[in-house]
Amino acid sequence: MDCICEKKKVRTPEELRRLDNRLSRVEGQIRGLREMLQKDAYCPDILVQVSAATAALNSFSRELLSNHIHTCVAEGIRQGDENVVEELVATLQKLMK
């Protein structure tokens, strides 16, 4: 998926490491799901693992959102950029679909 946005976010090495670790776990869970499917695992067993992968991805989203609010949104507000709040509201509406 290509990013069509123009804004960038420089992350601290610690933030990048934490987010990258979370995504690595999600990738591992998705690979595990594919293996389960290919090995004819029982449907409920696969569904339990899908739930775990979904929870891991949601955890990634929560951490990313928290970082965004504490950095990008807070800085935008300090600089008087009212658009940053509207952008946050629009993002939250998309996340809550």
PDB file of N, CA and C in Angstrom:
ATOM      1  N   MET A   1       0.853  -1.168   0.000  1.00  0.00           N
ATOM      2  CA  MET A   1       0.000   0.000   0.000  1.00  0.00           C
ATOM      3  C   MET A   1       0.898   1.229   0.000  1.00  0.00           C
ATOM      4  N   ASP A   2       0.668   2.116  -0.935  1.00  0.00           N
ATOM      5  CA  ASP A   2       1.445   3.341  -1.021  1.00  0.00           C
ATOM      6  C   ASP A   2       0.852   4.396  -0.111  1.00  0.00           C
ATOM      7  N   CYS A   3       1.735   5.155   0.518  1.00  0.00           N
ATOM      8  CA  CYS A   3       1.300   6.272   1.346  1.00  0.00           C
ATOM      9  C   CYS A   3       1.129   7.482   0.443  1.00  0.00           C
ATOM     10  N   ILE A   4      -0.056   8.061   0.450  1.00  0.00           N
ATOM     11  CA  ILE A   4      -0.306   9.224  -0.396  1.00  0.00           C
ATOM     12  C   ILE A   4      -0.212  10.514   0.396  1.00  0.00           C
ATOM     13  N   CYS A   5       0.230  10.419   1.637  1.00  0.00           N
ATOM     14  CA  CYS A   5       0.324  11.600   2.486  1.00  0.00           C
ATOM     15  C   CYS A   5       1.664  12.292   2.268  1.00  0.00           C
ATOM     16  N   GLU A   6       1.681  13.574   2.576  1.00  0.00           N
ATOM     17  CA  GLU A   6       2.898  14.356   2.436  1.00  0.00           C
ATOM     18  C   GLU A   6       3.607  14.540   3.763  1.00  0.00           C
ATOM     19  N   LYS A   7       2.908  14.396   4.860  1.00  0.00           N
ATOM     20  CA  LYS A   7       3.501  14.594   6.173  1.00  0.00           C
ATOM     21  C   LYS A   7       4.398  13.419   6.527  1.00  0.00           C
ATOM     22  N   LYS A   8       5.399  13.694   7.328  1.00  0.00           N
ATOM     23  CA  LYS A   8       6.315  12.662   7.809  1.00  0.00           C
ATOM     24  C   LYS A   8       6.384  12.751   9.324  1.00  0.00           C
ATOM     25  N   LYS A   9       6.822  11.674   9.968  1.00  0.00           N
ATOM     26  CA  LYS A   9       6.976  11.629  11.421  1.00  0.00           C
ATOM     27  C   LYS A   9       8.316  10.990  11.719  1.00  0.00           C
ATOM     28  N   VAL A  10       9.215  11.737  12.296  1.00  0.00           N
ATOM     29  CA  VAL A  10      10.492  11.183  12.726  1.00  0.00           C
ATOM     30  C   VAL A  10      10.272  10.570  14.101  1.00  0.00           C
ATOM     31  N   ARG A  11      10.573   9.283  14.205  1.00  0.00           N
ATOM     32  CA  ARG A  11      10.359   8.566  15.456  1.00  0.00           C
ATOM     33  C   ARG A  11      11.684   8.379  16.184  1.00  0.00           C
ATOM     34  N   THR A  12      11.595   8.344  17.497  1.00  0.00           N
ATOM     35  CA  THR A  12      12.794   8.064  18.277  1.00  0.00           C
ATOM     36  C   THR A  12      13.187   6.610  18.042  1.00  0.00           C
ATOM     37  N   PRO A  13      14.451   6.278  18.255  1.00  0.00           N
ATOM     38  CA  PRO A  13      14.864   4.875  18.096  1.00  0.00           C
ATOM     39  C   PRO A  13      14.043   3.924  18.987  1.00  0.00           C
ATOM     40  N   GLU A  14      13.719   4.366  20.204  1.00  0.00           N
ATOM     41  CA  GLU A  14      12.926   3.529  21.119  1.00  0.00           C
ATOM     42  C   GLU A  14      11.508   3.320  20.585  1.00  0.00           C
ATOM     43  N   GLU A  15      10.880   4.391  20.124  1.00  0.00           N
ATOM     44  CA  GLU A  15       9.525   4.284  19.565  1.00  0.00           C
ATOM     45  C   GLU A  15       9.526   3.367  18.351  1.00  0.00           C
ATOM     46  N   LEU A  16      10.485   3.557  17.474  1.00  0.00           N
ATOM     47  CA  LEU A  16      10.583   2.729  16.275  1.00  0.00           C
ATOM     48  C   LEU A  16      10.793   1.266  16.642  1.00  0.00           C
ATOM     49  N   ARG A  17      11.652   1.003  17.627  1.00  0.00           N
ATOM     50  CA  ARG A  17      11.911  -0.377  18.050  1.00  0.00           C
ATOM     51  C   ARG A  17      10.644  -1.040  18.591  1.00  0.00           C
ATOM     52  N   ARG A  18       9.919  -0.312  19.468  1.00  0.00           N
ATOM     53  CA  ARG A  18       8.695  -0.885  20.054  1.00  0.00           C
ATOM     54  C   ARG A  18       7.646  -1.177  18.979  1.00  0.00           C
ATOM     55  N   LEU A  19       7.421  -0.235  18.084  1.00  0.00           N
ATOM     56  CA  LEU A  19       6.420  -0.439  17.042  1.00  0.00           C
ATOM     57  C   LEU A  19       6.841  -1.556  16.091  1.00  0.00           C
ATOM     58  N   ASP A  20       8.113  -1.576  15.735  1.00  0.00           N
ATOM     59  CA  ASP A  20       8.612  -2.615  14.840  1.00  0.00           C
ATOM     60  C   ASP A  20       8.487  -3.997  15.477  1.00  0.00           C
ATOM     61  N   ASN A  21       8.777  -4.093  16.772  1.00  0.00           N
ATOM     62  CA  ASN A  21       8.629  -5.373  17.473  1.00  0.00           C
ATOM     63  C   ASN A  21       7.180  -5.846  17.453  1.00  0.00           C
ATOM     64  N   ARG A  22       6.260  -4.923  17.665  1.00  0.00           N
ATOM     65  CA  ARG A  22       4.838  -5.305  17.641  1.00  0.00           C
ATOM     66  C   ARG A  22       4.441  -5.824  16.255  1.00  0.00           C
ATOM     67  N   LEU A  23       4.890  -5.132  15.207  1.00  0.00           N
ATOM     68  CA  LEU A  23       4.562  -5.584  13.854  1.00  0.00           C
ATOM     69  C   LEU A  23       5.212  -6.928  13.536  1.00  0.00           C
ATOM     70  N   SER A  24       6.399  -7.142  14.040  1.00  0.00           N
ATOM     71  CA  SER A  24       7.059  -8.439  13.825  1.00  0.00           C
ATOM     72  C   SER A  24       6.249  -9.567  14.448  1.00  0.00           C
ATOM     73  N   ARG A  25       5.699  -9.307  15.631  1.00  0.00           N
ATOM     74  CA  ARG A  25       4.849 -10.326  16.269  1.00  0.00           C
ATOM     75  C   ARG A  25       3.605 -10.601  15.423  1.00  0.00           C
ATOM     76  N   VAL A  26       3.006  -9.543  14.904  1.00  0.00           N
ATOM     77  CA  VAL A  26       1.818  -9.710  14.058  1.00  0.00           C
ATOM     78  C   VAL A  26       2.179 -10.512  12.813  1.00  0.00           C
ATOM     79  N   GLU A  27       3.297 -10.180  12.188  1.00  0.00           N
ATOM     80  CA  GLU A  27       3.734 -10.930  11.001  1.00  0.00           C
ATOM     81  C   GLU A  27       3.911 -12.411  11.321  1.00  0.00           C
ATOM     82  N   GLY A  28       4.514 -12.692  12.462  1.00  0.00           N
ATOM     83  CA  GLY A  28       4.693 -14.081  12.863  1.00  0.00           C
ATOM     84  C   GLY A  28       3.362 -14.785  13.061  1.00  0.00           C
ATOM     85  N   GLN A  29       2.411 -14.090  13.656  1.00  0.00           N
ATOM     86  CA  GLN A  29       1.091 -14.692  13.862  1.00  0.00           C
ATOM     87  C   GLN A  29       0.395 -14.944  12.528  1.00  0.00           C
ATOM     88  N   ILE A  30       0.537 -14.034  11.590  1.00  0.00           N
ATOM     89  CA  ILE A  30      -0.091 -14.219  10.269  1.00  0.00           C
ATOM     90  C   ILE A  30       0.553 -15.398   9.541  1.00  0.00           C
ATOM     91  N   ARG A  31       1.872 -15.506   9.618  1.00  0.00           N
ATOM     92  CA  ARG A  31       2.546 -16.669   9.014  1.00  0.00           C
ATOM     93  C   ARG A  31       2.054 -17.963   9.666  1.00  0.00           C
ATOM     94  N   GLY A  32       1.877 -17.917  10.984  1.00  0.00           N
ATOM     95  CA  GLY A  32       1.364 -19.091  11.688  1.00  0.00           C
ATOM     96  C   GLY A  32      -0.036 -19.464  11.228  1.00  0.00           C
ATOM     97  N   LEU A  33      -0.860 -18.461  10.979  1.00  0.00           N
ATOM     98  CA  LEU A  33      -2.213 -18.724  10.470  1.00  0.00           C
ATOM     99  C   LEU A  33      -2.159 -19.407   9.107  1.00  0.00           C
ATOM    100  N   ARG A  34      -1.277 -18.924   8.245  1.00  0.00           N
ATOM    101  CA  ARG A  34      -1.151 -19.536   6.914  1.00  0.00           C
ATOM    102  C   ARG A  34      -0.716 -20.997   7.045  1.00  0.00           C
ATOM    103  N   GLU A  35       0.230 -21.239   7.948  1.00  0.00           N
ATOM    104  CA  GLU A  35       0.690 -22.621   8.164  1.00  0.00           C
ATOM    105  C   GLU A  35      -0.440 -23.496   8.682  1.00  0.00           C
ATOM    106  N   MET A  36      -1.219 -22.968   9.629  1.00  0.00           N
ATOM    107  CA  MET A  36      -2.343 -23.736  10.167  1.00  0.00           C
ATOM    108  C   MET A  36      -3.324 -24.090   9.060  1.00  0.00           C
ATOM    109  N   LEU A  37      -3.597 -23.117   8.197  1.00  0.00           N
ATOM    110  CA  LEU A  37      -4.524 -23.341   7.092  1.00  0.00           C
ATOM    111  C   LEU A  37      -3.992 -24.417   6.154  1.00  0.00           C
ATOM    112  N   GLN A  38      -2.713 -24.323   5.826  1.00  0.00           N
ATOM    113  CA  GLN A  38      -2.102 -25.286   4.906  1.00  0.00           C
ATOM    114  C   GLN A  38      -2.003 -26.685   5.514  1.00  0.00           C
ATOM    115  N   LYS A  39      -1.978 -26.761   6.843  1.00  0.00           N
ATOM    116  CA  LYS A  39      -1.894 -28.062   7.528  1.00  0.00           C
ATOM    117  C   LYS A  39      -3.266 -28.572   7.945  1.00  0.00           C
ATOM    118  N   ASP A  40      -4.318 -27.959   7.374  1.00  0.00           N
ATOM    119  CA  ASP A  40      -5.689 -28.395   7.627  1.00  0.00           C
ATOM    120  C   ASP A  40      -6.076 -28.354   9.099  1.00  0.00           C
ATOM    121  N   ALA A  41      -5.639 -27.321   9.798  1.00  0.00           N
ATOM    122  CA  ALA A  41      -5.998 -27.179  11.218  1.00  0.00           C
ATOM    123  C   ALA A  41      -7.505 -27.003  11.347  1.00  0.00           C
ATOM    124  N   TYR A  42      -8.015 -27.358  12.474  1.00  0.00           N
ATOM    125  CA  TYR A  42      -9.431 -27.268  12.782  1.00  0.00           C
ATOM    126  C   TYR A  42      -9.852 -25.796  12.852  1.00  0.00           C
ATOM    127  N   CYS A  43     -11.003 -25.478  12.262  1.00  0.00           N
ATOM    128  CA  CYS A  43     -11.468 -24.092  12.135  1.00  0.00           C
ATOM    129  C   CYS A  43     -11.435 -23.300  13.445  1.00  0.00           C
ATOM    130  N   PRO A  44     -11.986 -23.831  14.548  1.00  0.00           N
ATOM    131  CA  PRO A  44     -11.947 -23.060  15.794  1.00  0.00           C
ATOM    132  C   PRO A  44     -10.521 -22.744  16.262  1.00  0.00           C
ATOM    133  N   ASP A  45      -9.580 -23.651  16.001  1.00  0.00           N
ATOM    134  CA  ASP A  45      -8.192 -23.392  16.381  1.00  0.00           C
ATOM    135  C   ASP A  45      -7.629 -22.211  15.588  1.00  0.00           C
ATOM    136  N   ILE A  46      -7.951 -22.171  14.302  1.00  0.00           N
ATOM    137  CA  ILE A  46      -7.502 -21.053  13.460  1.00  0.00           C
ATOM    138  C   ILE A  46      -8.164 -19.759  13.919  1.00  0.00           C
ATOM    139  N   LEU A  47      -9.443 -19.814  14.216  1.00  0.00           N
ATOM    140  CA  LEU A  47     -10.167 -18.612  14.645  1.00  0.00           C
ATOM    141  C   LEU A  47      -9.610 -18.030  15.937  1.00  0.00           C
ATOM    142  N   VAL A  48      -9.191 -18.893  16.857  1.00  0.00           N
ATOM    143  CA  VAL A  48      -8.580 -18.404  18.098  1.00  0.00           C
ATOM    144  C   VAL A  48      -7.295 -17.651  17.775  1.00  0.00           C
ATOM    145  N   GLN A  49      -6.521 -18.171  16.835  1.00  0.00           N
ATOM    146  CA  GLN A  49      -5.277 -17.497  16.448  1.00  0.00           C
ATOM    147  C   GLN A  49      -5.552 -16.208  15.675  1.00  0.00           C
ATOM    148  N   VAL A  50      -6.626 -16.172  14.892  1.00  0.00           N
ATOM    149  CA  VAL A  50      -7.024 -14.929  14.216  1.00  0.00           C
ATOM    150  C   VAL A  50      -7.345 -13.868  15.258  1.00  0.00           C
ATOM    151  N   SER A  51      -8.030 -14.268  16.312  1.00  0.00           N
ATOM    152  CA  SER A  51      -8.363 -13.339  17.382  1.00  0.00           C
ATOM    153  C   SER A  51      -7.101 -12.796  18.043  1.00  0.00           C
ATOM    154  N   ALA A  52      -6.113 -13.642  18.249  1.00  0.00           N
ATOM    155  CA  ALA A  52      -4.850 -13.210  18.847  1.00  0.00           C
ATOM    156  C   ALA A  52      -4.118 -12.235  17.929  1.00  0.00           C
ATOM    157  N   ALA A  53      -4.122 -12.501  16.634  1.00  0.00           N
ATOM    158  CA  ALA A  53      -3.469 -11.603  15.673  1.00  0.00           C
ATOM    159  C   ALA A  53      -4.196 -10.260  15.611  1.00  0.00           C
ATOM    160  N   THR A  54      -5.511 -10.309  15.661  1.00  0.00           N
ATOM    161  CA  THR A  54      -6.302  -9.074  15.659  1.00  0.00           C
ATOM    162  C   THR A  54      -5.998  -8.247  16.899  1.00  0.00           C
ATOM    163  N   ALA A  55      -5.904  -8.908  18.053  1.00  0.00           N
ATOM    164  CA  ALA A  55      -5.584  -8.204  19.292  1.00  0.00           C
ATOM    165  C   ALA A  55      -4.191  -7.585  19.218  1.00  0.00           C
ATOM    166  N   ALA A  56      -3.242  -8.286  18.625  1.00  0.00           N
ATOM    167  CA  ALA A  56      -1.881  -7.758  18.495  1.00  0.00           C
ATOM    168  C   ALA A  56      -1.855  -6.548  17.573  1.00  0.00           C
ATOM    169  N   LEU A  57      -2.605  -6.589  16.495  1.00  0.00           N
ATOM    170  CA  LEU A  57      -2.671  -5.449  15.580  1.00  0.00           C
ATOM    171  C   LEU A  57      -3.375  -4.268  16.242  1.00  0.00           C
ATOM    172  N   ASN A  58      -4.408  -4.542  17.018  1.00  0.00           N
ATOM    173  CA  ASN A  58      -5.090  -3.473  17.763  1.00  0.00           C
ATOM    174  C   ASN A  58      -4.144  -2.841  18.787  1.00  0.00           C
ATOM    175  N   SER A  59      -3.320  -3.645  19.408  1.00  0.00           N
ATOM    176  CA  SER A  59      -2.343  -3.137  20.367  1.00  0.00           C
ATOM    177  C   SER A  59      -1.341  -2.222  19.671  1.00  0.00           C
ATOM    178  N   PHE A  60      -0.901  -2.605  18.481  1.00  0.00           N
ATOM    179  CA  PHE A  60      -0.021  -1.757  17.676  1.00  0.00           C
ATOM    180  C   PHE A  60      -0.703  -0.423  17.382  1.00  0.00           C
ATOM    181  N   SER A  61      -1.964  -0.479  16.968  1.00  0.00           N
ATOM    182  CA  SER A  61      -2.715   0.741  16.644  1.00  0.00           C
ATOM    183  C   SER A  61      -2.850   1.654  17.856  1.00  0.00           C
ATOM    184  N   ARG A  62      -3.140   1.077  19.020  1.00  0.00           N
ATOM    185  CA  ARG A  62      -3.273   1.891  20.234  1.00  0.00           C
ATOM    186  C   ARG A  62      -1.968   2.591  20.586  1.00  0.00           C
ATOM    187  N   GLU A  63      -0.861   1.863  20.476  1.00  0.00           N
ATOM    188  CA  GLU A  63       0.428   2.481  20.796  1.00  0.00           C
ATOM    189  C   GLU A  63       0.769   3.577  19.790  1.00  0.00           C
ATOM    190  N   LEU A  64       0.536   3.322  18.518  1.00  0.00           N
ATOM    191  CA  LEU A  64       0.807   4.327  17.491  1.00  0.00           C
ATOM    192  C   LEU A  64      -0.068   5.560  17.700  1.00  0.00           C
ATOM    193  N   LEU A  65      -1.334   5.356  18.012  1.00  0.00           N
ATOM    194  CA  LEU A  65      -2.243   6.475  18.263  1.00  0.00           C
ATOM    195  C   LEU A  65      -1.804   7.272  19.481  1.00  0.00           C
ATOM    196  N   SER A  66      -1.416   6.590  20.533  1.00  0.00           N
ATOM    197  CA  SER A  66      -0.944   7.273  21.732  1.00  0.00           C
ATOM    198  C   SER A  66       0.289   8.115  21.428  1.00  0.00           C
ATOM    199  N   ASN A  67       1.233   7.533  20.687  1.00  0.00           N
ATOM    200  CA  ASN A  67       2.429   8.281  20.302  1.00  0.00           C
ATOM    201  C   ASN A  67       2.053   9.502  19.471  1.00  0.00           C
ATOM    202  N   HIS A  68       1.116   9.322  18.557  1.00  0.00           N
ATOM    203  CA  HIS A  68       0.679  10.420  17.691  1.00  0.00           C
ATOM    204  C   HIS A  68       0.085  11.563  18.518  1.00  0.00           C
ATOM    205  N   ILE A  69      -0.761  11.231  19.458  1.00  0.00           N
ATOM    206  CA  ILE A  69      -1.397  12.258  20.286  1.00  0.00           C
ATOM    207  C   ILE A  69      -0.354  12.983  21.133  1.00  0.00           C
ATOM    208  N   HIS A  70       0.569  12.226  21.730  1.00  0.00           N
ATOM    209  CA  HIS A  70       1.567  12.832  22.609  1.00  0.00           C
ATOM    210  C   HIS A  70       2.610  13.658  21.858  1.00  0.00           C
ATOM    211  N   THR A  71       2.798  13.381  20.590  1.00  0.00           N
ATOM    212  CA  THR A  71       3.829  14.109  19.840  1.00  0.00           C
ATOM    213  C   THR A  71       3.203  15.037  18.804  1.00  0.00           C
ATOM    214  N   CYS A  72       2.702  14.479  17.731  1.00  0.00           N
ATOM    215  CA  CYS A  72       2.205  15.283  16.605  1.00  0.00           C
ATOM    216  C   CYS A  72       1.049  16.198  17.002  1.00  0.00           C
ATOM    217  N   VAL A  73       0.057  15.641  17.675  1.00  0.00           N
ATOM    218  CA  VAL A  73      -1.118  16.434  18.038  1.00  0.00           C
ATOM    219  C   VAL A  73      -0.745  17.492  19.075  1.00  0.00           C
ATOM    220  N   ALA A  74      -0.020  17.093  20.108  1.00  0.00           N
ATOM    221  CA  ALA A  74       0.370  18.046  21.146  1.00  0.00           C
ATOM    222  C   ALA A  74       1.206  19.177  20.559  1.00  0.00           C
ATOM    223  N   GLU A  75       2.147  18.847  19.686  1.00  0.00           N
ATOM    224  CA  GLU A  75       2.983  19.882  19.069  1.00  0.00           C
ATOM    225  C   GLU A  75       2.149  20.798  18.176  1.00  0.00           C
ATOM    226  N   GLY A  76       1.220  20.229  17.426  1.00  0.00           N
ATOM    227  CA  GLY A  76       0.352  21.037  16.580  1.00  0.00           C
ATOM    228  C   GLY A  76      -0.479  22.017  17.396  1.00  0.00           C
ATOM    229  N   ILE A  77      -0.999  21.554  18.514  1.00  0.00           N
ATOM    230  CA  ILE A  77      -1.798  22.424  19.388  1.00  0.00           C
ATOM    231  C   ILE A  77      -0.922  23.543  19.955  1.00  0.00           C
ATOM    232  N   ARG A  78       0.283  23.180  20.401  1.00  0.00           N
ATOM    233  CA  ARG A  78       1.198  24.208  20.933  1.00  0.00           C
ATOM    234  C   ARG A  78       1.516  25.273  19.880  1.00  0.00           C
ATOM    235  N   GLN A  79       1.561  24.860  18.613  1.00  0.00           N
ATOM    236  CA  GLN A  79       1.871  25.796  17.533  1.00  0.00           C
ATOM    237  C   GLN A  79       0.623  26.504  17.001  1.00  0.00           C
ATOM    238  N   GLY A  80      -0.532  26.214  17.593  1.00  0.00           N
ATOM    239  CA  GLY A  80      -1.764  26.872  17.181  1.00  0.00           C
ATOM    240  C   GLY A  80      -2.407  26.295  15.933  1.00  0.00           C
ATOM    241  N   ASP A  81      -2.022  25.087  15.547  1.00  0.00           N
ATOM    242  CA  ASP A  81      -2.579  24.436  14.364  1.00  0.00           C
ATOM    243  C   ASP A  81      -3.875  23.720  14.744  1.00  0.00           C
ATOM    244  N   GLU A  82      -4.996  24.357  14.476  1.00  0.00           N
ATOM    245  CA  GLU A  82      -6.296  23.773  14.818  1.00  0.00           C
ATOM    246  C   GLU A  82      -6.654  22.594  13.922  1.00  0.00           C
ATOM    247  N   ASN A  83      -6.034  22.509  12.760  1.00  0.00           N
ATOM    248  CA  ASN A  83      -6.321  21.402  11.844  1.00  0.00           C
ATOM    249  C   ASN A  83      -5.907  20.052  12.415  1.00  0.00           C
ATOM    250  N   VAL A  84      -4.917  20.063  13.306  1.00  0.00           N
ATOM    251  CA  VAL A  84      -4.440  18.807  13.869  1.00  0.00           C
ATOM    252  C   VAL A  84      -5.540  18.117  14.682  1.00  0.00           C
ATOM    253  N   VAL A  85      -6.395  18.879  15.318  1.00  0.00           N
ATOM    254  CA  VAL A  85      -7.500  18.290  16.088  1.00  0.00           C
ATOM    255  C   VAL A  85      -8.529  17.689  15.133  1.00  0.00           C
ATOM    256  N   GLU A  86      -8.844  18.404  14.071  1.00  0.00           N
ATOM    257  CA  GLU A  86      -9.790  17.879  13.079  1.00  0.00           C
ATOM    258  C   GLU A  86      -9.252  16.604  12.424  1.00  0.00           C
ATOM    259  N   GLU A  87      -7.949  16.595  12.169  1.00  0.00           N
ATOM    260  CA  GLU A  87      -7.321  15.409  11.593  1.00  0.00           C
ATOM    261  C   GLU A  87      -7.420  14.226  12.560  1.00  0.00           C
ATOM    262  N   LEU A  88      -7.201  14.493  13.848  1.00  0.00           N
ATOM    263  CA  LEU A  88      -7.317  13.443  14.864  1.00  0.00           C
ATOM    264  C   LEU A  88      -8.742  12.914  14.931  1.00  0.00           C
ATOM    265  N   VAL A  89      -9.720  13.798  14.929  1.00  0.00           N
ATOM    266  CA  VAL A  89     -11.127  13.378  14.973  1.00  0.00           C
ATOM    267  C   VAL A  89     -11.456  12.511  13.755  1.00  0.00           C
ATOM    268  N   ALA A  90     -11.004  12.931  12.575  1.00  0.00           N
ATOM    269  CA  ALA A  90     -11.265  12.153  11.353  1.00  0.00           C
ATOM    270  C   ALA A  90     -10.604  10.786  11.435  1.00  0.00           C
ATOM    271  N   THR A  91      -9.388  10.744  11.973  1.00  0.00           N
ATOM    272  CA  THR A  91      -8.682   9.476  12.132  1.00  0.00           C
ATOM    273  C   THR A  91      -9.425   8.552  13.097  1.00  0.00           C
ATOM    274  N   LEU A  92      -9.871   9.098  14.235  1.00  0.00           N
ATOM    275  CA  LEU A  92     -10.610   8.300  15.203  1.00  0.00           C
ATOM    276  C   LEU A  92     -11.911   7.766  14.607  1.00  0.00           C
ATOM    277  N   GLN A  93     -12.588   8.573  13.798  1.00  0.00           N
ATOM    278  CA  GLN A  93     -13.826   8.111  13.161  1.00  0.00           C
ATOM    279  C   GLN A  93     -13.548   6.944  12.219  1.00  0.00           C
ATOM    280  N   LYS A  94     -12.437   7.000  11.500  1.00  0.00           N
ATOM    281  CA  LYS A  94     -12.076   5.890  10.615  1.00  0.00           C
ATOM    282  C   LYS A  94     -11.737   4.630  11.409  1.00  0.00           C
ATOM    283  N   LEU A  95     -11.054   4.823  12.544  1.00  0.00           N
ATOM    284  CA  LEU A  95     -10.671   3.680  13.355  1.00  0.00           C
ATOM    285  C   LEU A  95     -11.860   3.002  14.021  1.00  0.00           C
ATOM    286  N   MET A  96     -12.933   3.762  14.247  1.00  0.00           N
ATOM    287  CA  MET A  96     -14.084   3.226  14.968  1.00  0.00           C
ATOM    288  C   MET A  96     -15.159   2.650  14.061  1.00  0.00           C
ATOM    289  N   LYS A  97     -14.882   2.511  12.806  1.00  0.00           N
ATOM    290  CA  LYS A  97     -15.869   1.923  11.875  1.00  0.00           C
ATOM    291  C   LYS A  97     -16.062   0.467  12.170  1.00  0.00           C
TER     292      LYS A  97
END
